[in-house]
PDB file of all heavy atoms in Angstrom:
ATOM      1  N   ASP A   1       0.809  -1.212  -0.015  1.00  0.00           N
ATOM      2  CA  ASP A   1       0.023  -0.026  -0.050  1.00  0.00           C
ATOM      3  C   ASP A   1       0.848   1.250  -0.014  1.00  0.00           C
ATOM      4  O   ASP A   1       0.343   2.350  -0.451  1.00  0.00           O
ATOM      5  CB  ASP A   1      -0.877   0.023   1.090  1.00  0.00           C
ATOM      6  CG  ASP A   1      -2.050  -1.072   1.140  1.00  0.00           C
ATOM      7  OD1 ASP A   1      -2.272  -1.441   0.009  1.00  0.00           O
ATOM      8  OD2 ASP A   1      -2.563  -1.406   2.109  1.00  0.00           O
ATOM      9  N   GLU A   2       2.040   1.187   0.593  1.00  0.00           N
ATOM     10  CA  GLU A   2       2.956   2.330   0.514  1.00  0.00           C
ATOM     11  C   GLU A   2       3.784   2.364  -0.664  1.00  0.00           C
ATOM     12  O   GLU A   2       4.723   3.302  -0.788  1.00  0.00           O
ATOM     13  CB  GLU A   2       3.831   2.254   1.837  1.00  0.00           C
ATOM     14  CG  GLU A   2       3.042   2.705   3.103  1.00  0.00           C
ATOM     15  CD  GLU A   2       2.538   1.504   3.745  1.00  0.00           C
ATOM     16  OE1 GLU A   2       3.179   0.369   3.791  1.00  0.00           O
ATOM     17  OE2 GLU A   2       1.401   1.542   4.202  1.00  0.00           O
ATOM     18  N   GLY A   3       3.631   1.498  -1.589  1.00  0.00           N
ATOM     19  CA  GLY A   3       4.494   1.538  -2.810  1.00  0.00           C
ATOM     20  C   GLY A   3       5.764   0.843  -2.749  1.00  0.00           C
ATOM     21  O   GLY A   3       6.546   0.894  -3.691  1.00  0.00           O
ATOM     22  N   ARG A   4       6.077   0.095  -1.589  1.00  0.00           N
ATOM     23  CA  ARG A   4       7.329  -0.592  -1.481  1.00  0.00           C
ATOM     24  C   ARG A   4       7.241  -1.896  -2.190  1.00  0.00           C
ATOM     25  O   ARG A   4       6.223  -2.593  -2.134  1.00  0.00           O
ATOM     26  CB  ARG A   4       7.616  -0.780   0.006  1.00  0.00           C
ATOM     27  CG  ARG A   4       7.972   0.528   0.700  1.00  0.00           C
ATOM     28  CD  ARG A   4       8.190   0.287   2.153  1.00  0.00           C
ATOM     29  NE  ARG A   4       6.986  -0.232   2.701  1.00  0.00           N
ATOM     30  CZ  ARG A   4       6.717  -0.359   4.004  1.00  0.00           C
ATOM     31  NH1 ARG A   4       7.675  -0.207   4.941  1.00  0.00           N
ATOM     32  NH2 ARG A   4       5.569  -0.779   4.460  1.00  0.00           N
ATOM     33  N   LEU A   5       8.343  -2.332  -2.782  1.00  0.00           N
ATOM     34  CA  LEU A   5       8.443  -3.581  -3.475  1.00  0.00           C
ATOM     35  C   LEU A   5       8.596  -4.647  -2.461  1.00  0.00           C
ATOM     36  O   LEU A   5       9.455  -4.611  -1.543  1.00  0.00           O
ATOM     37  CB  LEU A   5       9.641  -3.556  -4.361  1.00  0.00           C
ATOM     38  CG  LEU A   5       9.606  -4.442  -5.642  1.00  0.00           C
ATOM     39  CD1 LEU A   5       8.273  -4.289  -6.432  1.00  0.00           C
ATOM     40  CD2 LEU A   5      10.804  -4.275  -6.484  1.00  0.00           C
ATOM     41  N   ARG A   6       7.702  -5.726  -2.510  1.00  0.00           N
ATOM     42  CA  ARG A   6       7.692  -6.810  -1.619  1.00  0.00           C
ATOM     43  C   ARG A   6       7.618  -8.218  -2.436  1.00  0.00           C
ATOM     44  O   ARG A   6       7.268  -8.197  -3.542  1.00  0.00           O
ATOM     45  CB  ARG A   6       6.481  -6.744  -0.623  1.00  0.00           C
ATOM     46  CG  ARG A   6       6.407  -5.542   0.124  1.00  0.00           C
ATOM     47  CD  ARG A   6       7.316  -5.697   1.369  1.00  0.00           C
ATOM     48  NE  ARG A   6       7.202  -4.520   2.165  1.00  0.00           N
ATOM     49  CZ  ARG A   6       8.095  -4.233   3.083  1.00  0.00           C
ATOM     50  NH1 ARG A   6       9.204  -4.788   3.164  1.00  0.00           N
ATOM     51  NH2 ARG A   6       7.864  -3.176   3.781  1.00  0.00           N
ATOM     52  N   LEU A   7       7.968  -9.226  -1.721  1.00  0.00           N
ATOM     53  CA  LEU A   7       7.711 -10.616  -2.279  1.00  0.00           C
ATOM     54  C   LEU A   7       6.337 -10.953  -2.092  1.00  0.00           C
ATOM     55  O   LEU A   7       5.784 -10.889  -0.892  1.00  0.00           O
ATOM     56  CB  LEU A   7       8.678 -11.583  -1.692  1.00  0.00           C
ATOM     57  CG  LEU A   7      10.199 -11.433  -2.019  1.00  0.00           C
ATOM     58  CD1 LEU A   7      10.980 -12.433  -1.220  1.00  0.00           C
ATOM     59  CD2 LEU A   7      10.369 -11.660  -3.452  1.00  0.00           C
ATOM     60  N   ARG A   8       5.649 -11.400  -3.129  1.00  0.00           N
ATOM     61  CA  ARG A   8       4.238 -11.906  -3.067  1.00  0.00           C
ATOM     62  C   ARG A   8       4.328 -13.385  -3.177  1.00  0.00           C
ATOM     63  O   ARG A   8       4.616 -13.914  -4.259  1.00  0.00           O
ATOM     64  CB  ARG A   8       3.403 -11.189  -4.086  1.00  0.00           C
ATOM     65  CG  ARG A   8       1.929 -11.537  -4.075  1.00  0.00           C
ATOM     66  CD  ARG A   8       1.210 -10.811  -5.095  1.00  0.00           C
ATOM     67  NE  ARG A   8      -0.233 -11.014  -5.052  1.00  0.00           N
ATOM     68  CZ  ARG A   8      -0.950 -11.786  -5.595  1.00  0.00           C
ATOM     69  NH1 ARG A   8      -0.353 -12.671  -6.415  1.00  0.00           N
ATOM     70  NH2 ARG A   8      -2.226 -11.948  -5.422  1.00  0.00           N
ATOM     71  N   ARG A   9       3.945 -14.108  -2.144  1.00  0.00           N
ATOM     72  CA  ARG A   9       4.050 -15.549  -2.136  1.00  0.00           C
ATOM     73  C   ARG A   9       2.536 -16.092  -2.086  1.00  0.00           C
ATOM     74  O   ARG A   9       1.784 -15.645  -1.303  1.00  0.00           O
ATOM     75  CB  ARG A   9       4.709 -16.027  -0.981  1.00  0.00           C
ATOM     76  CG  ARG A   9       6.222 -15.697  -0.975  1.00  0.00           C
ATOM     77  CD  ARG A   9       6.877 -16.314   0.319  1.00  0.00           C
ATOM     78  NE  ARG A   9       8.307 -16.079   0.324  1.00  0.00           N
ATOM     79  CZ  ARG A   9       8.948 -14.965   0.916  1.00  0.00           C
ATOM     80  NH1 ARG A   9       8.195 -14.078   1.560  1.00  0.00           N
ATOM     81  NH2 ARG A   9      10.209 -14.841   0.892  1.00  0.00           N
ATOM     82  N   SER A  10       2.306 -17.047  -2.939  1.00  0.00           N
ATOM     83  CA  SER A  10       0.983 -17.692  -2.988  1.00  0.00           C
ATOM     84  C   SER A  10       1.104 -19.149  -2.477  1.00  0.00           C
ATOM     85  O   SER A  10       2.057 -19.780  -2.790  1.00  0.00           O
ATOM     86  CB  SER A  10       0.425 -17.671  -4.305  1.00  0.00           C
ATOM     87  OG  SER A  10       0.216 -16.387  -4.894  1.00  0.00           O
ATOM     88  N   TYR A  11       0.126 -19.513  -1.664  1.00  0.00           N
ATOM     89  CA  TYR A  11       0.164 -20.907  -1.181  1.00  0.00           C
ATOM     90  C   TYR A  11      -1.230 -21.533  -1.395  1.00  0.00           C
ATOM     91  O   TYR A  11      -2.260 -20.729  -1.455  1.00  0.00           O
ATOM     92  CB  TYR A  11       0.390 -20.905   0.323  1.00  0.00           C
ATOM     93  CG  TYR A  11       1.708 -20.379   0.781  1.00  0.00           C
ATOM     94  CD1 TYR A  11       1.829 -18.967   0.993  1.00  0.00           C
ATOM     95  CD2 TYR A  11       2.838 -21.095   0.850  1.00  0.00           C
ATOM     96  CE1 TYR A  11       3.086 -18.441   1.402  1.00  0.00           C
ATOM     97  CE2 TYR A  11       4.075 -20.608   1.219  1.00  0.00           C
ATOM     98  CZ  TYR A  11       4.190 -19.256   1.426  1.00  0.00           C
ATOM     99  OH  TYR A  11       5.424 -18.767   1.811  1.00  0.00           O
ATOM    100  N   THR A  12      -1.288 -22.855  -1.508  1.00  0.00           N
ATOM    101  CA  THR A  12      -2.619 -23.527  -1.634  1.00  0.00           C
ATOM    102  C   THR A  12      -2.711 -24.426  -0.402  1.00  0.00           C
ATOM    103  O   THR A  12      -1.671 -24.820   0.154  1.00  0.00           O
ATOM    104  CB  THR A  12      -2.769 -24.288  -2.882  1.00  0.00           C
ATOM    105  OG1 THR A  12      -1.662 -25.286  -3.000  1.00  0.00           O
ATOM    106  CG2 THR A  12      -2.672 -23.366  -4.124  1.00  0.00           C
ATOM    107  N   PHE A  13      -3.975 -24.877  -0.065  1.00  0.00           N
ATOM    108  CA  PHE A  13      -4.174 -25.759   0.980  1.00  0.00           C
ATOM    109  C   PHE A  13      -5.460 -26.483   0.691  1.00  0.00           C
ATOM    110  O   PHE A  13      -6.252 -26.062  -0.203  1.00  0.00           O
ATOM    111  CB  PHE A  13      -4.226 -25.145   2.370  1.00  0.00           C
ATOM    112  CG  PHE A  13      -5.288 -24.141   2.578  1.00  0.00           C
ATOM    113  CD1 PHE A  13      -6.458 -24.488   3.255  1.00  0.00           C
ATOM    114  CD2 PHE A  13      -5.186 -22.856   2.101  1.00  0.00           C
ATOM    115  CE1 PHE A  13      -7.427 -23.576   3.396  1.00  0.00           C
ATOM    116  CE2 PHE A  13      -6.115 -21.870   2.332  1.00  0.00           C
ATOM    117  CZ  PHE A  13      -7.324 -22.287   3.049  1.00  0.00           C
ATOM    118  N   GLU A  14      -5.719 -27.570   1.437  1.00  0.00           N
ATOM    119  CA  GLU A  14      -7.048 -28.227   1.206  1.00  0.00           C
ATOM    120  C   GLU A  14      -7.676 -28.313   2.590  1.00  0.00           C
ATOM    121  O   GLU A  14      -7.083 -28.372   3.692  1.00  0.00           O
ATOM    122  CB  GLU A  14      -6.811 -29.708   0.717  1.00  0.00           C
ATOM    123  CG  GLU A  14      -6.275 -29.670  -0.691  1.00  0.00           C
ATOM    124  CD  GLU A  14      -6.018 -31.122  -1.200  1.00  0.00           C
ATOM    125  OE1 GLU A  14      -5.644 -32.049  -0.398  1.00  0.00           O
ATOM    126  OE2 GLU A  14      -6.338 -31.313  -2.380  1.00  0.00           O
ATOM    127  N   PHE A  15      -9.051 -28.231   2.486  1.00  0.00           N
ATOM    128  CA  PHE A  15      -9.935 -28.291   3.690  1.00  0.00           C
ATOM    129  C   PHE A  15     -11.076 -29.223   3.355  1.00  0.00           C
ATOM    130  O   PHE A  15     -11.360 -29.536   2.291  1.00  0.00           O
ATOM    131  CB  PHE A  15     -10.315 -26.879   4.220  1.00  0.00           C
ATOM    132  CG  PHE A  15     -11.238 -26.240   3.245  1.00  0.00           C
ATOM    133  CD1 PHE A  15     -12.561 -26.268   3.504  1.00  0.00           C
ATOM    134  CD2 PHE A  15     -10.820 -25.464   2.171  1.00  0.00           C
ATOM    135  CE1 PHE A  15     -13.524 -25.696   2.644  1.00  0.00           C
ATOM    136  CE2 PHE A  15     -11.683 -24.903   1.361  1.00  0.00           C
ATOM    137  CZ  PHE A  15     -12.969 -24.909   1.549  1.00  0.00           C
ATOM    138  N   SER A  16     -11.782 -29.537   4.505  1.00  0.00           N
ATOM    139  CA  SER A  16     -12.985 -30.332   4.347  1.00  0.00           C
ATOM    140  C   SER A  16     -14.049 -29.836   5.122  1.00  0.00           C
ATOM    141  O   SER A  16     -13.804 -29.376   6.294  1.00  0.00           O
ATOM    142  CB  SER A  16     -12.631 -31.841   4.798  1.00  0.00           C
ATOM    143  OG  SER A  16     -13.882 -32.608   4.711  1.00  0.00           O
ATOM    144  N   ASP A  17     -15.290 -29.720   4.561  1.00  0.00           N
ATOM    145  CA  ASP A  17     -16.436 -29.216   5.279  1.00  0.00           C
ATOM    146  C   ASP A  17     -17.250 -30.354   5.796  1.00  0.00           C
ATOM    147  O   ASP A  17     -18.078 -30.236   6.682  1.00  0.00           O
ATOM    148  CB  ASP A  17     -17.273 -28.334   4.355  1.00  0.00           C
ATOM    149  CG  ASP A  17     -17.724 -29.014   3.059  1.00  0.00           C
ATOM    150  OD1 ASP A  17     -17.168 -30.018   2.779  1.00  0.00           O
ATOM    151  OD2 ASP A  17     -18.564 -28.408   2.478  1.00  0.00           O
ATOM    152  N   THR A  18     -17.066 -31.579   5.329  1.00  0.00           N
ATOM    153  CA  THR A  18     -17.915 -32.738   5.749  1.00  0.00           C
ATOM    154  C   THR A  18     -17.017 -33.773   6.384  1.00  0.00           C
ATOM    155  O   THR A  18     -17.569 -34.770   7.091  1.00  0.00           O
ATOM    156  CB  THR A  18     -18.699 -33.302   4.614  1.00  0.00           C
ATOM    157  OG1 THR A  18     -17.637 -33.995   3.717  1.00  0.00           O
ATOM    158  CG2 THR A  18     -19.495 -32.389   3.999  1.00  0.00           C
ATOM    159  N   GLY A  19     -15.747 -33.775   6.214  1.00  0.00           N
ATOM    160  CA  GLY A  19     -14.786 -34.806   6.846  1.00  0.00           C
ATOM    161  C   GLY A  19     -14.494 -35.876   5.810  1.00  0.00           C
ATOM    162  O   GLY A  19     -13.621 -36.781   6.088  1.00  0.00           O
ATOM    163  N   ASP A  20     -15.255 -35.938   4.655  1.00  0.00           N
ATOM    164  CA  ASP A  20     -14.970 -37.033   3.704  1.00  0.00           C
ATOM    165  C   ASP A  20     -14.796 -36.425   2.285  1.00  0.00           C
ATOM    166  O   ASP A  20     -14.981 -37.127   1.323  1.00  0.00           O
ATOM    167  CB  ASP A  20     -15.979 -38.067   3.665  1.00  0.00           C
ATOM    168  CG  ASP A  20     -17.434 -37.545   3.384  1.00  0.00           C
ATOM    169  OD1 ASP A  20     -17.554 -36.286   3.169  1.00  0.00           O
ATOM    170  OD2 ASP A  20     -18.393 -38.303   3.268  1.00  0.00           O
ATOM    171  N   ASN A  21     -14.422 -35.207   2.241  1.00  0.00           N
ATOM    172  CA  ASN A  21     -14.168 -34.570   0.895  1.00  0.00           C
ATOM    173  C   ASN A  21     -13.013 -33.597   0.957  1.00  0.00           C
ATOM    174  O   ASN A  21     -12.535 -33.286   2.155  1.00  0.00           O
ATOM    175  CB  ASN A  21     -15.365 -33.812   0.374  1.00  0.00           C
ATOM    176  CG  ASN A  21     -15.798 -32.639   1.321  1.00  0.00           C
ATOM    177  OD1 ASN A  21     -15.214 -32.384   2.206  1.00  0.00           O
ATOM    178  ND2 ASN A  21     -16.776 -31.897   0.824  1.00  0.00           N
ATOM    179  N   ARG A  22     -12.522 -33.074  -0.042  1.00  0.00           N
ATOM    180  CA  ARG A  22     -11.342 -32.206  -0.099  1.00  0.00           C
ATOM    181  C   ARG A  22     -11.813 -30.988  -0.934  1.00  0.00           C
ATOM    182  O   ARG A  22     -12.289 -31.170  -2.143  1.00  0.00           O
ATOM    183  CB  ARG A  22     -10.119 -32.820  -0.782  1.00  0.00           C
ATOM    184  CG  ARG A  22      -9.472 -33.843   0.121  1.00  0.00           C
ATOM    185  CD  ARG A  22      -8.171 -34.380  -0.392  1.00  0.00           C
ATOM    186  NE  ARG A  22      -7.550 -35.165   0.550  1.00  0.00           N
ATOM    187  CZ  ARG A  22      -6.508 -34.794   1.346  1.00  0.00           C
ATOM    188  NH1 ARG A  22      -6.098 -33.549   1.309  1.00  0.00           N
ATOM    189  NH2 ARG A  22      -6.033 -35.673   2.243  1.00  0.00           N
ATOM    190  N   ARG A  23     -11.657 -29.805  -0.471  1.00  0.00           N
ATOM    191  CA  ARG A  23     -11.862 -28.608  -1.084  1.00  0.00           C
ATOM    192  C   ARG A  23     -10.602 -27.763  -1.121  1.00  0.00           C
ATOM    193  O   ARG A  23      -9.736 -27.950  -0.243  1.00  0.00           O
ATOM    194  CB  ARG A  23     -12.990 -27.733  -0.455  1.00  0.00           C
ATOM    195  CG  ARG A  23     -14.311 -28.583  -0.266  1.00  0.00           C
ATOM    196  CD  ARG A  23     -15.435 -27.677  -0.607  1.00  0.00           C
ATOM    197  NE  ARG A  23     -16.684 -28.487  -0.521  1.00  0.00           N
ATOM    198  CZ  ARG A  23     -17.391 -28.795  -1.578  1.00  0.00           C
ATOM    199  NH1 ARG A  23     -16.926 -28.589  -2.836  1.00  0.00           N
ATOM    200  NH2 ARG A  23     -18.491 -29.420  -1.414  1.00  0.00           N
ATOM    201  N   ASP A  24     -10.447 -26.831  -2.077  1.00  0.00           N
ATOM    202  CA  ASP A  24      -9.273 -26.098  -2.270  1.00  0.00           C
ATOM    203  C   ASP A  24      -9.372 -24.728  -1.610  1.00  0.00           C
ATOM    204  O   ASP A  24     -10.487 -24.083  -1.648  1.00  0.00           O
ATOM    205  CB  ASP A  24      -9.010 -25.905  -3.762  1.00  0.00           C
ATOM    206  CG  ASP A  24      -8.540 -27.244  -4.382  1.00  0.00           C
ATOM    207  OD1 ASP A  24      -7.893 -27.987  -3.750  1.00  0.00           O
ATOM    208  OD2 ASP A  24      -9.037 -27.447  -5.567  1.00  0.00           O
ATOM    209  N   GLY A  25      -8.201 -24.187  -1.129  1.00  0.00           N
ATOM    210  CA  GLY A  25      -8.103 -22.861  -0.568  1.00  0.00           C
ATOM    211  C   GLY A  25      -6.882 -22.318  -1.049  1.00  0.00           C
ATOM    212  O   GLY A  25      -5.958 -23.013  -1.478  1.00  0.00           O
ATOM    213  N   ALA A  26      -6.699 -20.889  -0.989  1.00  0.00           N
ATOM    214  CA  ALA A  26      -5.507 -20.183  -1.341  1.00  0.00           C
ATOM    215  C   ALA A  26      -5.232 -19.091  -0.457  1.00  0.00           C
ATOM    216  O   ALA A  26      -6.164 -18.419   0.057  1.00  0.00           O
ATOM    217  CB  ALA A  26      -5.676 -19.703  -2.752  1.00  0.00           C
ATOM    218  N   ILE A  27      -4.041 -18.812  -0.203  1.00  0.00           N
ATOM    219  CA  ILE A  27      -3.563 -17.732   0.656  1.00  0.00           C
ATOM    220  C   ILE A  27      -2.467 -16.994  -0.088  1.00  0.00           C
ATOM    221  O   ILE A  27      -1.604 -17.578  -0.737  1.00  0.00           O
ATOM    222  CB  ILE A  27      -2.948 -18.350   1.980  1.00  0.00           C
ATOM    223  CG1 ILE A  27      -4.023 -19.017   2.784  1.00  0.00           C
ATOM    224  CG2 ILE A  27      -2.243 -17.268   2.757  1.00  0.00           C
ATOM    225  CD1 ILE A  27      -3.485 -19.824   3.989  1.00  0.00           C
ATOM    226  N   VAL A  28      -2.543 -15.667   0.005  1.00  0.00           N
ATOM    227  CA  VAL A  28      -1.476 -14.777  -0.606  1.00  0.00           C
ATOM    228  C   VAL A  28      -0.928 -13.999   0.479  1.00  0.00           C
ATOM    229  O   VAL A  28      -1.628 -13.303   1.181  1.00  0.00           O
ATOM    230  CB  VAL A  28      -2.100 -13.886  -1.716  1.00  0.00           C
ATOM    231  CG1 VAL A  28      -1.122 -12.974  -2.266  1.00  0.00           C
ATOM    232  CG2 VAL A  28      -2.756 -14.684  -2.789  1.00  0.00           C
ATOM    233  N   MET A  29       0.454 -14.069   0.568  1.00  0.00           N
ATOM    234  CA  MET A  29       1.194 -13.261   1.540  1.00  0.00           C
ATOM    235  C   MET A  29       1.996 -12.226   0.742  1.00  0.00           C
ATOM    236  O   MET A  29       2.724 -12.524  -0.141  1.00  0.00           O
ATOM    237  CB  MET A  29       2.126 -14.184   2.324  1.00  0.00           C
ATOM    238  CG  MET A  29       1.481 -15.245   3.034  1.00  0.00           C
ATOM    239  SD  MET A  29       0.457 -14.821   4.499  1.00  0.00           S
ATOM    240  CE  MET A  29       1.669 -14.110   5.562  1.00  0.00           C
ATOM    241  N   LEU A  30       1.920 -10.934   1.247  1.00  0.00           N
ATOM    242  CA  LEU A  30       2.628  -9.856   0.688  1.00  0.00           C
ATOM    243  C   LEU A  30       3.700  -9.523   1.782  1.00  0.00           C
ATOM    244  O   LEU A  30       3.333  -8.941   2.759  1.00  0.00           O
ATOM    245  CB  LEU A  30       1.796  -8.722   0.320  1.00  0.00           C
ATOM    246  CG  LEU A  30       2.545  -7.541  -0.421  1.00  0.00           C
ATOM    247  CD1 LEU A  30       3.206  -8.015  -1.721  1.00  0.00           C
ATOM    248  CD2 LEU A  30       1.584  -6.497  -0.804  1.00  0.00           C
ATOM    249  N   GLY A  31       4.914  -9.733   1.457  1.00  0.00           N
ATOM    250  CA  GLY A  31       5.939  -9.641   2.568  1.00  0.00           C
ATOM    251  C   GLY A  31       5.574 -10.652   3.648  1.00  0.00           C
ATOM    252  O   GLY A  31       5.429 -11.858   3.360  1.00  0.00           O
ATOM    253  N   GLY A  32       5.453 -10.207   4.856  1.00  0.00           N
ATOM    254  CA  GLY A  32       5.067 -11.101   5.865  1.00  0.00           C
ATOM    255  C   GLY A  32       3.581 -11.021   6.286  1.00  0.00           C
ATOM    256  O   GLY A  32       3.143 -11.581   7.320  1.00  0.00           O
ATOM    257  N   GLU A  33       2.792 -10.277   5.546  1.00  0.00           N
ATOM    258  CA  GLU A  33       1.348  -9.977   5.893  1.00  0.00           C
ATOM    259  C   GLU A  33       0.449 -10.723   4.980  1.00  0.00           C
ATOM    260  O   GLU A  33       0.704 -10.779   3.756  1.00  0.00           O
ATOM    261  CB  GLU A  33       1.069  -8.440   5.823  1.00  0.00           C
ATOM    262  CG  GLU A  33       2.023  -7.622   6.653  1.00  0.00           C
ATOM    263  CD  GLU A  33       1.838  -7.939   8.175  1.00  0.00           C
ATOM    264  OE1 GLU A  33       0.759  -8.218   8.585  1.00  0.00           O
ATOM    265  OE2 GLU A  33       2.897  -7.966   8.909  1.00  0.00           O
ATOM    266  N   LEU A  34      -0.685 -11.162   5.546  1.00  0.00           N
ATOM    267  CA  LEU A  34      -1.726 -11.723   4.767  1.00  0.00           C
ATOM    268  C   LEU A  34      -2.375 -10.775   3.873  1.00  0.00           C
ATOM    269  O   LEU A  34      -2.811  -9.692   4.286  1.00  0.00           O
ATOM    270  CB  LEU A  34      -2.863 -12.381   5.715  1.00  0.00           C
ATOM    271  CG  LEU A  34      -3.949 -13.022   4.992  1.00  0.00           C
ATOM    272  CD1 LEU A  34      -3.620 -14.262   4.244  1.00  0.00           C
ATOM    273  CD2 LEU A  34      -5.066 -13.338   6.114  1.00  0.00           C
ATOM    274  N   GLN A  35      -2.376 -10.998   2.571  1.00  0.00           N
ATOM    275  CA  GLN A  35      -3.012 -10.096   1.608  1.00  0.00           C
ATOM    276  C   GLN A  35      -4.411 -10.602   1.169  1.00  0.00           C
ATOM    277  O   GLN A  35      -5.355  -9.815   1.018  1.00  0.00           O
ATOM    278  CB  GLN A  35      -2.153  -9.875   0.373  1.00  0.00           C
ATOM    279  CG  GLN A  35      -2.724  -8.938  -0.595  1.00  0.00           C
ATOM    280  CD  GLN A  35      -1.847  -8.754  -1.872  1.00  0.00           C
ATOM    281  OE1 GLN A  35      -1.294  -9.711  -2.248  1.00  0.00           O
ATOM    282  NE2 GLN A  35      -1.764  -7.505  -2.375  1.00  0.00           N
ATOM    283  N   ASP A  36      -4.508 -11.867   1.005  1.00  0.00           N
ATOM    284  CA  ASP A  36      -5.723 -12.377   0.489  1.00  0.00           C
ATOM    285  C   ASP A  36      -5.952 -13.882   0.836  1.00  0.00           C
ATOM    286  O   ASP A  36      -4.918 -14.553   1.095  1.00  0.00           O
ATOM    287  CB  ASP A  36      -5.781 -12.291  -1.011  1.00  0.00           C
ATOM    288  CG  ASP A  36      -7.154 -12.634  -1.604  1.00  0.00           C
ATOM    289  OD1 ASP A  36      -8.195 -12.447  -0.988  1.00  0.00           O
ATOM    290  OD2 ASP A  36      -7.219 -13.052  -2.824  1.00  0.00           O
ATOM    291  N   MET A  37      -7.119 -14.295   1.077  1.00  0.00           N
ATOM    292  CA  MET A  37      -7.442 -15.718   1.350  1.00  0.00           C
ATOM    293  C   MET A  37      -8.706 -16.100   0.561  1.00  0.00           C
ATOM    294  O   MET A  37      -9.682 -15.276   0.646  1.00  0.00           O
ATOM    295  CB  MET A  37      -7.584 -16.043   2.816  1.00  0.00           C
ATOM    296  CG  MET A  37      -7.761 -17.478   3.060  1.00  0.00           C
ATOM    297  SD  MET A  37      -7.967 -17.925   4.788  1.00  0.00           S
ATOM    298  CE  MET A  37      -6.395 -17.302   5.424  1.00  0.00           C
ATOM    299  N   GLN A  38      -8.783 -17.224  -0.038  1.00  0.00           N
ATOM    300  CA  GLN A  38      -9.955 -17.627  -0.664  1.00  0.00           C
ATOM    301  C   GLN A  38     -10.239 -19.109  -0.329  1.00  0.00           C
ATOM    302  O   GLN A  38      -9.219 -19.951  -0.275  1.00  0.00           O
ATOM    303  CB  GLN A  38      -9.782 -17.576  -2.218  1.00  0.00           C
ATOM    304  CG  GLN A  38      -9.550 -16.159  -2.741  1.00  0.00           C
ATOM    305  CD  GLN A  38      -9.334 -16.156  -4.149  1.00  0.00           C
ATOM    306  OE1 GLN A  38      -9.268 -17.118  -4.854  1.00  0.00           O
ATOM    307  NE2 GLN A  38      -9.161 -14.915  -4.666  1.00  0.00           N
ATOM    308  N   LEU A  39     -11.340 -19.548  -0.113  1.00  0.00           N
ATOM    309  CA  LEU A  39     -11.828 -20.879   0.127  1.00  0.00           C
ATOM    310  C   LEU A  39     -12.878 -21.226  -0.940  1.00  0.00           C
ATOM    311  O   LEU A  39     -13.783 -20.427  -1.141  1.00  0.00           O
ATOM    312  CB  LEU A  39     -12.485 -21.009   1.503  1.00  0.00           C
ATOM    313  CG  LEU A  39     -11.527 -21.132   2.735  1.00  0.00           C
ATOM    314  CD1 LEU A  39     -11.034 -19.751   3.134  1.00  0.00           C
ATOM    315  CD2 LEU A  39     -12.078 -21.833   3.823  1.00  0.00           C
ATOM    316  N   GLU A  40     -12.729 -22.362  -1.464  1.00  0.00           N
ATOM    317  CA  GLU A  40     -13.685 -22.922  -2.388  1.00  0.00           C
ATOM    318  C   GLU A  40     -15.112 -22.957  -1.792  1.00  0.00           C
ATOM    319  O   GLU A  40     -15.204 -23.209  -0.631  1.00  0.00           O
ATOM    320  CB  GLU A  40     -13.282 -24.342  -2.835  1.00  0.00           C
ATOM    321  CG  GLU A  40     -14.160 -24.952  -3.841  1.00  0.00           C
ATOM    322  CD  GLU A  40     -13.637 -26.369  -4.192  1.00  0.00           C
ATOM    323  OE1 GLU A  40     -12.480 -26.671  -4.211  1.00  0.00           O
ATOM    324  OE2 GLU A  40     -14.621 -27.169  -4.498  1.00  0.00           O
ATOM    325  N   PRO A  41     -16.099 -22.588  -2.496  1.00  0.00           N
ATOM    326  CA  PRO A  41     -17.487 -22.626  -1.859  1.00  0.00           C
ATOM    327  C   PRO A  41     -17.760 -23.984  -1.242  1.00  0.00           C
ATOM    328  O   PRO A  41     -17.485 -25.031  -1.738  1.00  0.00           O
ATOM    329  CB  PRO A  41     -18.471 -22.422  -3.116  1.00  0.00           C
ATOM    330  CG  PRO A  41     -17.495 -21.705  -4.097  1.00  0.00           C
ATOM    331  CD  PRO A  41     -16.183 -22.233  -3.901  1.00  0.00           C
ATOM    332  N   HIS A  42     -18.391 -23.892  -0.058  1.00  0.00           N
ATOM    333  CA  HIS A  42     -18.719 -25.057   0.691  1.00  0.00           C
ATOM    334  C   HIS A  42     -19.977 -24.873   1.562  1.00  0.00           C
ATOM    335  O   HIS A  42     -20.389 -23.753   1.715  1.00  0.00           O
ATOM    336  CB  HIS A  42     -17.536 -25.515   1.574  1.00  0.00           C
ATOM    337  CG  HIS A  42     -17.143 -24.397   2.601  1.00  0.00           C
ATOM    338  ND1 HIS A  42     -16.410 -23.321   2.225  1.00  0.00           N
ATOM    339  CD2 HIS A  42     -17.437 -24.288   3.890  1.00  0.00           C
ATOM    340  CE1 HIS A  42     -16.277 -22.492   3.282  1.00  0.00           C
ATOM    341  NE2 HIS A  42     -16.921 -23.079   4.353  1.00  0.00           N
TER     342      HIS A  42
END
C-alpha cells in the first residue's frame, strides 16, 4: 500500500467441510502480511 516492493507468495491448501471430501483454498502473503485468502465454496 505504501508503494514498497515486496515478495508476493501464494500458497494452496485443502480443507474439508464434511470430513470426507477435499476442497481447495488459497492464501496470498505480501511480505510477511496476509494479503488475500480464498476458500472454495462449501
